[in-house]
Protein backbone atom coordinates (compact mmCIF):
# COMPACT_ATOMS: atom_id res chain seq x y z
CA UNK A 1 26.56 212.58 181.87
CA UNK A 2 29.81 213.77 180.28
CA UNK A 3 31.30 214.52 183.73
CA UNK A 4 30.64 210.96 184.89
CA UNK A 5 32.42 209.51 181.84
CA UNK A 6 35.44 211.76 182.40
CA UNK A 7 35.47 210.91 186.11
CA UNK A 8 35.33 207.17 185.39
CA UNK A 9 38.09 207.51 182.80
CA UNK A 10 40.33 209.36 185.25
CA UNK A 11 39.55 206.91 188.03
CA UNK A 12 40.55 204.00 185.78
CA UNK A 13 43.80 205.76 184.82
CA UNK A 14 44.64 206.43 188.47
CA UNK A 15 43.77 202.82 189.38
CA UNK A 16 46.15 201.51 186.69
CA UNK A 17 48.85 203.90 187.90
CA UNK A 18 48.56 202.59 191.48
CA UNK A 19 48.50 199.00 190.26
CA UNK A 20 51.74 199.62 188.37
CA UNK A 21 53.29 201.29 191.41
CA UNK A 22 52.24 198.32 193.54
CA UNK A 23 53.69 195.82 191.08
CA UNK A 24 56.99 197.75 190.97
CA UNK A 25 57.13 197.98 194.77
CA UNK A 26 56.46 194.25 195.14
CA UNK A 27 59.30 193.53 192.71
CA UNK A 28 61.67 195.77 194.66
CA UNK A 29 60.65 194.07 197.91
CA UNK A 30 61.28 190.65 196.38
CA UNK A 31 64.67 191.80 195.08
CA UNK A 32 65.82 192.89 198.54
CA UNK A 33 64.41 189.78 200.21
CA UNK A 34 66.26 187.58 197.72
CA UNK A 35 69.46 189.56 198.18
CA UNK A 36 69.19 189.22 201.97
CA UNK A 37 68.62 185.47 201.71
CA UNK A 38 71.64 185.15 199.41
CA UNK A 39 73.81 187.13 201.83
CA UNK A 40 72.66 184.99 204.75
CA UNK A 41 73.68 181.88 202.81
CA UNK A 42 77.10 183.38 202.09
CA UNK A 43 77.45 184.41 205.74
CA UNK A 44 77.20 180.78 206.86
CA UNK A 45 80.20 179.77 204.77
CA UNK A 46 82.55 182.73 205.11
CA UNK A 47 85.46 183.56 207.38
CA UNK A 48 85.32 186.03 210.27
CA UNK A 49 86.86 189.01 208.45
CA UNK A 50 84.27 188.99 205.69
CA UNK A 51 81.37 188.42 208.08
CA UNK A 52 81.31 192.02 209.26
CA UNK A 53 80.81 193.39 205.74
CA UNK A 54 78.16 190.82 204.94
CA UNK A 55 76.32 191.50 208.21
CA UNK A 56 76.35 195.23 207.43
CA UNK A 57 74.92 194.52 203.99
CA UNK A 58 72.19 192.34 205.55
CA UNK A 59 71.27 195.25 207.83
CA UNK A 60 71.00 197.51 204.76
CA UNK A 61 68.79 194.97 203.00
CA UNK A 62 66.55 194.80 206.09
CA UNK A 63 66.20 198.59 205.96
CA UNK A 64 65.24 198.45 202.28
CA UNK A 65 62.77 195.64 203.00
CA UNK A 66 61.06 197.74 205.68
CA UNK A 67 60.94 200.78 203.40
CA UNK A 68 59.32 198.78 200.58
CA UNK A 69 56.83 197.15 202.97
CA UNK A 70 55.76 200.64 204.11
CA UNK A 71 55.54 201.82 200.48
CA UNK A 72 53.36 198.83 199.60
CA UNK A 73 51.13 199.54 202.58
CA UNK A 74 50.71 203.18 201.50
CA UNK A 75 49.94 202.20 197.91
CA UNK A 76 47.32 199.71 199.10
CA UNK A 77 45.75 202.44 201.25
CA UNK A 78 45.60 204.75 198.22
CA UNK A 79 43.98 202.01 196.14
CA UNK A 80 41.36 201.41 198.86
CA UNK A 81 40.56 205.13 199.02
CA UNK A 82 40.16 205.24 195.28
CA UNK A 83 37.79 202.26 195.30
CA UNK A 84 35.56 203.67 198.02
């Protein structure tokens, strides 16, 4: 009986840890998506010399977005494993 209580306690702790990781990852994803959108808006109203730097920054934001999407996917997989 004691082992079950300890196991449930640890499972709950791990679940909360993954939920926090997921929340943090979603916030990071949103940050990079917002930054990209802002840069795209600036890109529409800027001159040709500045466009190159802004386009490079948009590429970087796309890379971060993909990284955070993969992280979120991995966290969700870990949560599913924990729940099964």
